[in-house]
Amino acid sequence: MENKVCKRGHPKVYWQGRDFCPVCAKSDAVFKVKEKLTTDNINGNAPSVFVGHYGYPKLNVGILSPAEKVDDAFLYDAPRIWGSENFEIPRLVDLRSSLLNSRFQINVKESNKFLDITQEVSMASKPVDVEINLKEKPKFRLNLDPFTAPTGPRGTIVKADITSNPKISHKVDKVVDDIDLKAVGGIKYLYKSGFDENFLTKLLSTASMGLKKNRKLVPTKWSITAVDDQVGKLKIQEIKDYNHIDYCAYFGNYLGNYYIIMFFPDAWSYELFETFAPKGYWNETAEIKYTTDYEGYEGRKDYVHETAGGYYAARLPILERLSKLKRQGSVLCLRFITNEYAVHLGVWVVREATRKAMKSTPIFFSDKELMLKYAKVLVKRKFNYDIDNLLRKSILLKQIKEQRKINEFF
């Protein structure tokens, strides 16, 4: 690796231990798209939509589609498949940079034909055939964001039509047509019916659910967190009726995001530490940088400030696992962001990396100290730093140590 350079001669400083050059991955993806976008007339199949947040309450709303019809358009917006099939960063950048964002501007409470089309795309179970005329040829760029999956070139819609019959589930129709059903109720109903969080995010962001008087556009980055939070709360209420879990720890990773998730036999509580490796791509200092947030048995009354959407995205797969095991517990989740994670791909990475960890084989322990020792040794061996300082700052561990249990009084 010492003398390794990419095909364009970028030195190892850009690689940071990765087996690909992130600079080339991004530029190659844009170049491939540029070859296809030679006209302002788009005839593609749209798997997704996007609602921006700048300029609120007047927002940019986009229909996301490849520049031409493709057989696997569903793969362009499928986080669960990306995670389960281990899609790597260059392939993900290729896919998402190929999504043209054909957009229009509208007030969050208004409606027009373009929004009607956007809503149908968001409701459909499969990509929808669309024909779009843009004001001019799209501008070539790759849009990266910590919260949302990347998007490619964008252009302003002049005319748009759906050229196939969207395949919409009768359960989705039921929720969309029910103007007396709150958005929270619609999210819970569809989640229990097997629709994943990515699908629910699209419905919520396009004002396709909720009480009639309250329906309005929600920026995609906000709706992602709202869905993760609401589905998580549904699971929390469920697991509170279960017995306590045994001491156990899970470990797994995806795209350079590593998770150690420790369960303690206690009432539900949850704490997340997100750490950034020192002297690396995300943290140039010699010290470990971290953010953290916590919730007790009664939950939080306000939005988390430090770990943001990652807090709710990591919490959901943990709760799904507890629900499957029919157990509750206190959960300490440690995230380690390494140099392998070279490009912002969105908060879905957090969710899928946590899912991978929760699908790993757990290690069981007889007590708390043995489990914490395991975590310390693992982190030291894997990342070469000491987590004692993190553990000392843990509110959850302090609560477990100091809070008296009811059985002590009998």
Protein backbone atom coordinates (compact mmCIF):
# COMPACT_ATOMS: atom_id res chain seq x y z
CA MET A 1 0.00 0.00 0.00
CA GLU A 2 2.96 2.34 0.62
CA ASN A 3 3.47 3.21 -3.05
CA LYS A 4 0.01 2.42 -4.28
CA VAL A 5 -1.72 4.98 -6.46
CA CYS A 6 -5.02 4.85 -8.35
CA LYS A 7 -5.36 4.87 -12.12
CA ARG A 8 -5.27 8.67 -12.09
CA GLY A 9 -2.25 8.80 -9.81
CA HIS A 10 -3.99 9.83 -6.57
CA PRO A 11 -1.57 8.95 -3.76
CA LYS A 12 -2.28 6.75 -0.75
CA VAL A 13 -3.43 9.74 1.34
CA TYR A 14 -6.76 9.51 -0.50
CA TRP A 15 -7.07 5.79 0.17
CA GLN A 16 -6.76 5.76 3.98
CA GLY A 17 -6.64 1.96 4.16
CA ARG A 18 -9.44 1.38 1.65
CA ASP A 19 -9.17 -0.89 -1.38
CA PHE A 20 -10.47 1.82 -3.72
CA CYS A 21 -9.93 5.53 -4.35
CA PRO A 22 -13.00 7.54 -3.22
CA VAL A 23 -12.05 10.46 -5.48
CA CYS A 24 -12.14 8.20 -8.54
CA ALA A 25 -15.31 6.44 -7.37
CA LYS A 26 -17.18 9.74 -7.36
CA SER A 27 -15.73 11.16 -10.57
CA ASP A 28 -16.20 7.89 -12.49
CA ALA A 29 -19.83 7.73 -11.43
CA VAL A 30 -20.54 11.26 -12.63
CA PHE A 31 -18.76 10.59 -15.93
CA LYS A 32 -20.91 7.50 -16.60
CA VAL A 33 -24.09 9.47 -16.01
CA LYS A 34 -22.94 12.36 -18.20
CA GLU A 35 -22.64 10.01 -21.16
CA LYS A 36 -26.33 9.08 -20.82
CA LEU A 37 -27.77 12.55 -20.24
CA THR A 38 -27.65 14.14 -23.67
CA THR A 39 -31.22 15.49 -23.75
CA ASP A 40 -33.79 17.28 -21.63
CA ASN A 41 -36.40 14.59 -22.42
CA ILE A 42 -36.30 11.74 -19.88
CA ASN A 43 -38.06 8.42 -20.38
CA GLY A 44 -37.25 6.28 -17.33
CA ASN A 45 -38.72 4.30 -14.43
CA ALA A 46 -38.81 6.04 -11.06
CA PRO A 47 -38.16 4.03 -7.89
CA SER A 48 -38.17 6.93 -5.45
CA VAL A 49 -38.79 10.58 -4.60
CA PHE A 50 -36.93 13.27 -2.71
CA VAL A 51 -38.11 16.28 -0.71
CA GLY A 52 -35.46 18.87 0.11
CA HIS A 53 -35.37 21.04 3.24
CA TYR A 54 -33.83 24.32 2.09
CA GLY A 55 -36.20 27.27 1.81
CA TYR A 56 -38.90 25.78 4.04
CA PRO A 57 -41.92 26.12 3.68
CA LYS A 58 -41.29 26.36 -0.08
CA LEU A 59 -39.41 23.19 -0.99
CA ASN A 60 -37.84 21.42 -3.94
CA VAL A 61 -39.61 18.11 -4.59
CA GLY A 62 -38.03 15.59 -6.95
CA ILE A 63 -38.94 12.46 -8.85
CA LEU A 64 -35.87 10.18 -8.85
CA SER A 65 -35.29 8.02 -11.92
CA PRO A 66 -32.48 6.72 -14.11
CA ALA A 67 -32.06 8.68 -17.35
CA GLU A 68 -33.39 5.65 -19.24
CA LYS A 69 -35.51 2.61 -18.43
CA VAL A 70 -33.59 -0.18 -16.70
CA ASP A 71 -34.68 -3.66 -15.62
CA ASP A 72 -33.35 -3.35 -12.08
CA ALA A 73 -34.61 0.14 -11.23
CA PHE A 74 -35.77 -1.10 -7.81
CA LEU A 75 -32.11 -1.55 -6.82
CA TYR A 76 -31.52 2.18 -7.07
CA ASP A 77 -33.51 2.71 -3.86
CA ALA A 78 -33.28 -0.46 -1.77
CA PRO A 79 -31.27 0.01 1.47
CA ARG A 80 -32.25 -3.37 2.92
CA ILE A 81 -31.05 -5.17 -0.21
CA TRP A 82 -27.87 -3.09 -0.30
CA GLY A 83 -27.08 -4.16 3.24
CA SER A 84 -28.12 -7.80 3.04
CA GLU A 85 -26.17 -8.32 -0.21
CA ASN A 86 -23.13 -6.31 0.95
CA PHE A 87 -23.11 -3.65 -1.75
CA GLU A 88 -19.79 -1.79 -1.60
CA ILE A 89 -19.27 1.97 -1.78
CA PRO A 90 -18.25 2.21 -5.48
CA ARG A 91 -21.35 0.28 -6.57
CA LEU A 92 -23.63 2.36 -4.35
CA VAL A 93 -22.14 5.58 -5.70
CA ASP A 94 -22.68 4.27 -9.24
CA LEU A 95 -26.33 3.45 -8.56
CA ARG A 96 -27.28 6.63 -6.73
CA SER A 97 -25.36 8.99 -9.01
CA SER A 98 -27.45 7.59 -11.89
CA LEU A 99 -30.65 8.85 -10.28
CA LEU A 100 -31.76 12.04 -11.97
CA ASN A 101 -33.59 14.38 -9.61
CA SER A 102 -36.35 15.93 -11.75
CA ARG A 103 -37.71 18.57 -9.43
CA PHE A 104 -40.22 21.33 -8.97
CA GLN A 105 -40.82 23.88 -6.23
CA ILE A 106 -43.98 23.97 -4.13
CA ASN A 107 -45.27 25.13 -0.75
CA VAL A 108 -45.58 22.33 1.82
CA LYS A 109 -49.39 22.76 2.02
CA GLU A 110 -50.09 23.16 -1.70
CA SER A 111 -50.78 20.60 -4.42
CA ASN A 112 -50.39 20.34 -8.20
CA LYS A 113 -50.10 17.73 -10.96
CA PHE A 114 -46.39 17.22 -10.37
CA LEU A 115 -47.03 16.48 -6.70
CA ASP A 116 -49.80 14.04 -7.65
CA ILE A 117 -47.27 12.14 -9.79
CA THR A 118 -44.69 12.25 -6.99
CA GLN A 119 -47.23 10.81 -4.55
CA GLU A 120 -48.08 7.95 -6.91
CA VAL A 121 -44.39 7.10 -7.25
CA SER A 122 -44.05 7.09 -3.45
CA MET A 123 -47.08 4.79 -3.07
CA ALA A 124 -46.04 2.25 -5.70
CA SER A 125 -44.55 -1.12 -4.78
CA LYS A 126 -42.47 -1.14 -7.99
CA PRO A 127 -40.73 1.60 -10.02
CA VAL A 128 -43.17 3.66 -12.08
CA ASP A 129 -42.62 4.44 -15.77
CA VAL A 130 -42.40 8.21 -16.26
CA GLU A 131 -41.83 10.62 -19.11
CA ILE A 132 -40.36 13.95 -18.06
CA ASN A 133 -39.46 17.09 -19.95
CA LEU A 134 -36.92 19.33 -18.26
CA LYS A 135 -36.31 23.03 -18.65
CA GLU A 136 -32.75 22.30 -19.77
CA LYS A 137 -30.23 19.47 -19.80
CA PRO A 138 -29.49 18.30 -16.23
CA LYS A 139 -26.51 19.65 -14.34
CA PHE A 140 -23.93 16.97 -13.59
CA ARG A 141 -23.13 16.47 -9.94
CA LEU A 142 -23.21 13.95 -7.10
CA ASN A 143 -25.12 15.19 -4.06
CA LEU A 144 -23.89 13.72 -0.76
CA ASP A 145 -25.54 14.11 2.63
CA PRO A 146 -25.07 12.51 6.09
CA PHE A 147 -28.81 11.82 6.36
CA THR A 148 -30.08 10.87 2.91
CA ALA A 149 -28.79 8.51 0.23
CA PRO A 150 -26.87 10.29 -2.57
CA THR A 151 -28.60 11.63 -5.67
CA GLY A 152 -27.21 12.50 -9.07
CA PRO A 153 -27.86 15.25 -11.63
CA ARG A 154 -30.90 17.47 -11.28
CA GLY A 155 -33.13 19.51 -13.51
CA THR A 156 -36.35 21.51 -13.38
CA ILE A 157 -39.56 19.83 -14.56
CA VAL A 158 -41.59 21.48 -17.31
CA LYS A 159 -43.87 18.53 -18.05
CA ALA A 160 -44.30 15.07 -16.52
CA ASP A 161 -46.55 12.05 -17.09
CA ILE A 162 -46.86 8.53 -15.75
CA THR A 163 -46.84 6.08 -18.67
CA SER A 164 -47.72 2.86 -16.81
CA ASN A 165 -50.21 1.81 -14.15
CA PRO A 166 -48.52 2.11 -10.73
CA LYS A 167 -48.71 -1.11 -8.66
CA ILE A 168 -50.14 0.08 -5.33
CA SER A 169 -51.04 -2.22 -2.44
CA HIS A 170 -54.63 -2.03 -1.22
CA LYS A 171 -53.22 -1.52 2.29
CA VAL A 172 -51.34 1.56 1.12
CA ASP A 173 -54.47 2.81 -0.64
CA LYS A 174 -56.38 2.30 2.60
CA VAL A 175 -53.98 4.48 4.59
CA VAL A 176 -53.73 7.18 1.91
CA ASP A 177 -57.52 7.39 1.49
CA ASP A 178 -58.21 7.53 5.24
CA ILE A 179 -58.09 11.25 5.95
CA ASP A 180 -59.16 10.63 9.58
CA LEU A 181 -56.15 8.41 10.36
CA LYS A 182 -53.16 10.10 11.96
CA ALA A 183 -49.78 9.66 10.28
CA VAL A 184 -48.49 7.74 13.32
CA GLY A 185 -51.36 5.28 12.97
CA GLY A 186 -50.65 4.83 9.26
CA ILE A 187 -46.96 4.21 9.90
CA LYS A 188 -47.70 1.58 12.55
CA TYR A 189 -50.32 -0.18 10.41
CA LEU A 190 -48.13 -0.41 7.32
CA TYR A 191 -45.01 -1.41 9.28
CA LYS A 192 -46.93 -4.28 10.87
CA SER A 193 -48.11 -5.20 7.36
CA GLY A 194 -44.52 -5.67 6.19
CA PHE A 195 -43.65 -2.32 4.59
CA ASP A 196 -40.12 -1.24 5.49
CA GLU A 197 -38.96 2.09 6.87
CA ASN A 198 -37.65 3.28 3.50
CA PHE A 199 -41.10 2.91 1.92
CA LEU A 200 -42.81 4.60 4.88
CA THR A 201 -40.38 7.52 4.66
CA LYS A 202 -41.48 8.22 1.08
CA LEU A 203 -45.17 8.18 2.02
CA LEU A 204 -44.66 10.52 4.95
CA SER A 205 -42.45 12.97 3.04
CA THR A 206 -44.92 13.35 0.13
CA ALA A 207 -47.92 14.24 2.34
CA SER A 208 -49.61 10.94 1.51
CA MET A 209 -50.79 10.06 5.01
CA GLY A 210 -52.24 11.68 8.11
CA LEU A 211 -55.28 13.76 9.00
CA LYS A 212 -56.51 15.77 6.04
CA LYS A 213 -55.96 19.12 7.75
CA ASN A 214 -52.43 18.17 8.80
CA ARG A 215 -51.09 16.71 5.55
CA LYS A 216 -48.08 18.57 4.26
CA LEU A 217 -44.73 17.84 2.66
CA VAL A 218 -41.97 16.73 5.02
CA PRO A 219 -38.30 17.00 4.00
CA THR A 220 -36.87 13.53 3.39
CA LYS A 221 -34.16 13.92 6.04
CA TRP A 222 -36.84 14.72 8.65
CA SER A 223 -39.18 11.93 7.61
CA ILE A 224 -36.38 9.34 7.85
CA THR A 225 -35.88 10.12 11.53
CA ALA A 226 -39.62 10.45 12.20
CA VAL A 227 -40.31 6.96 10.83
CA ASP A 228 -37.37 5.38 12.70
CA ASP A 229 -38.54 7.05 15.90
CA GLN A 230 -42.21 6.12 15.59
CA VAL A 231 -41.58 2.49 14.65
CA GLY A 232 -39.04 2.30 17.48
CA LYS A 233 -41.59 3.59 19.99
CA LEU A 234 -44.04 0.95 18.80
CA LYS A 235 -41.44 -1.74 19.56
CA ILE A 236 -40.53 -0.20 22.93
CA GLN A 237 -44.12 -0.49 24.14
CA GLU A 238 -44.13 -4.11 23.06
CA ILE A 239 -40.89 -5.23 24.71
CA LYS A 240 -41.68 -3.62 28.08
CA ASP A 241 -43.96 -6.58 28.79
CA TYR A 242 -41.14 -9.11 28.33
CA ASN A 243 -38.68 -10.61 30.83
CA HIS A 244 -35.11 -9.35 31.06
CA ILE A 245 -32.47 -10.55 28.62
CA ASP A 246 -29.19 -12.22 29.73
CA TYR A 247 -25.81 -10.50 29.56
CA CYS A 248 -24.77 -10.73 25.91
CA ALA A 249 -22.92 -8.77 23.23
CA TYR A 250 -23.21 -8.55 19.45
CA PHE A 251 -20.55 -7.32 17.04
CA GLY A 252 -20.78 -6.56 13.32
CA ASN A 253 -20.04 -4.01 10.64
CA TYR A 254 -20.92 -2.65 7.22
CA LEU A 255 -19.04 -0.13 5.05
CA GLY A 256 -16.55 0.69 7.79
CA ASN A 257 -19.18 1.25 10.48
CA TYR A 258 -18.55 -1.18 13.36
CA TYR A 259 -20.99 -1.85 16.20
CA ILE A 260 -20.56 -3.47 19.59
CA ILE A 261 -23.98 -3.78 21.20
CA MET A 262 -24.13 -4.91 24.83
CA PHE A 263 -27.32 -6.05 26.58
CA PHE A 264 -27.78 -5.92 30.34
CA PRO A 265 -30.60 -7.76 32.22
CA ASP A 266 -32.52 -4.70 33.31
CA ALA A 267 -35.49 -2.55 32.34
CA TRP A 268 -35.40 -0.93 28.88
CA SER A 269 -32.93 1.90 28.42
CA TYR A 270 -30.64 2.79 25.55
CA GLU A 271 -27.41 4.70 25.08
CA LEU A 272 -25.41 5.32 21.92
CA PHE A 273 -21.79 6.40 21.60
CA GLU A 274 -20.62 7.28 18.08
CA THR A 275 -16.83 7.38 17.92
CA PHE A 276 -14.47 8.61 15.22
CA ALA A 277 -11.08 6.91 14.90
CA PRO A 278 -8.14 9.27 15.62
CA LYS A 279 -5.81 10.44 12.87
CA GLY A 280 -8.23 9.46 10.16
CA TYR A 281 -10.54 10.65 7.42
CA TRP A 282 -13.30 11.83 9.80
CA ASN A 283 -11.07 12.84 12.70
CA GLU A 284 -7.62 14.31 12.07
CA THR A 285 -6.75 14.77 15.75
CA ALA A 286 -4.85 12.25 17.89
CA GLU A 287 -7.77 11.95 20.31
CA ILE A 288 -10.90 9.84 20.05
CA LYS A 289 -13.86 12.04 19.18
CA TYR A 290 -17.33 10.94 20.12
CA THR A 291 -20.95 11.99 20.45
CA THR A 292 -23.50 10.37 22.75
CA ASP A 293 -27.19 10.35 23.70
CA TYR A 294 -29.29 8.38 26.17
CA GLU A 295 -32.86 7.49 27.05
CA GLY A 296 -34.27 5.82 30.16
CA TYR A 297 -37.31 3.60 30.64
CA GLU A 298 -39.75 6.47 30.07
CA GLY A 299 -38.05 7.57 26.85
CA ARG A 300 -37.02 11.04 25.75
CA LYS A 301 -39.15 14.18 25.64
CA ASP A 302 -36.95 15.94 23.11
CA TYR A 303 -34.99 15.18 19.95
CA VAL A 304 -31.42 13.98 20.48
CA HIS A 305 -28.87 16.70 19.82
CA GLU A 306 -25.53 14.95 19.37
CA THR A 307 -26.02 11.66 17.50
CA ALA A 308 -29.04 12.97 15.55
CA GLY A 309 -30.73 10.55 13.13
CA GLY A 310 -28.16 7.84 13.78
CA TYR A 311 -29.59 7.44 17.29
CA TYR A 312 -33.01 6.36 16.05
CA ALA A 313 -31.65 4.42 13.06
CA ALA A 314 -29.45 2.23 15.30
CA ARG A 315 -32.18 1.84 17.95
CA LEU A 316 -34.69 0.31 15.53
CA PRO A 317 -32.81 -2.93 14.60
CA ILE A 318 -31.94 -3.41 18.29
CA LEU A 319 -35.60 -3.21 19.21
CA GLU A 320 -36.54 -5.52 16.34
CA ARG A 321 -34.14 -8.11 17.76
CA LEU A 322 -35.48 -7.75 21.30
CA SER A 323 -39.00 -8.12 19.95
CA LYS A 324 -38.04 -11.33 18.16
CA LEU A 325 -36.37 -12.69 21.31
CA LYS A 326 -39.34 -11.55 23.44
CA ARG A 327 -36.98 -9.85 25.88
CA GLN A 328 -36.21 -6.38 27.20
CA GLY A 329 -32.97 -4.97 28.53
CA SER A 330 -30.67 -2.01 28.91
CA VAL A 331 -28.62 -1.54 25.76
CA LEU A 332 -25.23 0.11 25.38
CA CYS A 333 -24.42 0.62 21.70
CA LEU A 334 -20.91 1.63 20.59
CA ARG A 335 -20.37 2.73 16.99
CA PHE A 336 -16.86 3.00 15.52
CA ILE A 337 -16.61 4.99 12.30
CA THR A 338 -13.41 4.07 10.47
CA ASN A 339 -11.58 5.29 7.37
CA GLU A 340 -13.24 2.55 5.33
CA TYR A 341 -16.37 4.73 5.33
CA ALA A 342 -15.12 7.08 2.64
CA VAL A 343 -18.29 8.77 1.37
CA HIS A 344 -21.42 10.08 3.10
CA LEU A 345 -24.17 7.67 2.02
CA GLY A 346 -26.98 8.50 4.43
CA VAL A 347 -28.33 7.34 7.77
CA TRP A 348 -29.55 4.08 6.22
CA VAL A 349 -25.94 2.86 6.59
CA VAL A 350 -26.33 3.10 10.36
CA ARG A 351 -29.54 1.07 10.27
CA GLU A 352 -28.15 -1.67 8.03
CA ALA A 353 -24.81 -1.89 9.87
CA THR A 354 -26.70 -2.31 13.14
CA ARG A 355 -28.91 -4.96 11.53
CA LYS A 356 -25.81 -6.86 10.49
CA ALA A 357 -24.49 -6.71 14.04
CA MET A 358 -27.82 -7.93 15.43
CA LYS A 359 -27.79 -10.90 13.05
CA SER A 360 -24.38 -12.02 14.28
CA THR A 361 -23.98 -14.82 16.83
CA PRO A 362 -24.11 -13.26 20.32
CA ILE A 363 -21.56 -13.95 23.04
CA PHE A 364 -23.10 -14.59 26.47
CA PHE A 365 -21.50 -13.62 29.79
CA SER A 366 -22.09 -14.48 33.41
CA ASP A 367 -21.81 -10.89 34.61
CA LYS A 368 -21.39 -7.26 33.59
CA GLU A 369 -17.65 -7.01 34.26
CA LEU A 370 -16.79 -9.89 31.94
CA MET A 371 -18.82 -8.35 29.13
CA LEU A 372 -17.22 -4.93 29.54
CA LYS A 373 -13.78 -6.55 29.60
CA TYR A 374 -14.61 -8.31 26.33
CA ALA A 375 -15.60 -4.96 24.76
CA LYS A 376 -12.38 -3.28 25.94
CA VAL A 377 -10.17 -6.05 24.59
CA LEU A 378 -12.05 -6.20 21.28
CA VAL A 379 -11.81 -2.45 20.68
CA LYS A 380 -8.14 -2.35 21.64
CA ARG A 381 -7.33 -5.21 19.28
CA LYS A 382 -9.51 -3.98 16.43
CA PHE A 383 -9.06 -0.20 16.59
CA ASN A 384 -6.09 0.22 18.93
CA TYR A 385 -7.65 2.52 21.46
CA ASP A 386 -8.94 2.41 25.00
CA ILE A 387 -12.67 2.84 25.67
CA ASP A 388 -12.35 3.29 29.44
CA ASN A 389 -13.11 6.99 29.07
CA LEU A 390 -16.30 6.25 27.14
CA LEU A 391 -17.47 3.74 29.71
CA ARG A 392 -16.79 6.20 32.53
CA LYS A 393 -19.02 8.75 30.75
CA SER A 394 -21.87 6.25 30.29
CA ILE A 395 -25.12 7.30 31.95
CA LEU A 396 -26.54 3.84 31.39
CA LEU A 397 -23.70 2.08 33.23
CA LYS A 398 -23.98 4.56 36.06
CA GLN A 399 -27.70 3.89 36.36
CA ILE A 400 -27.15 0.13 36.40
CA LYS A 401 -24.49 0.48 39.11
CA GLU A 402 -26.33 2.91 41.38
CA GLN A 403 -30.04 2.24 40.92
CA ARG A 404 -31.46 -0.08 43.56
CA LYS A 405 -33.68 -2.94 42.35
CA ILE A 406 -37.07 -3.71 43.86
CA ASN A 407 -35.99 -7.24 44.81
CA GLU A 408 -33.44 -5.73 47.21
CA PHE A 409 -36.31 -4.73 49.50
CA PHE A 410 -37.58 -8.31 49.96
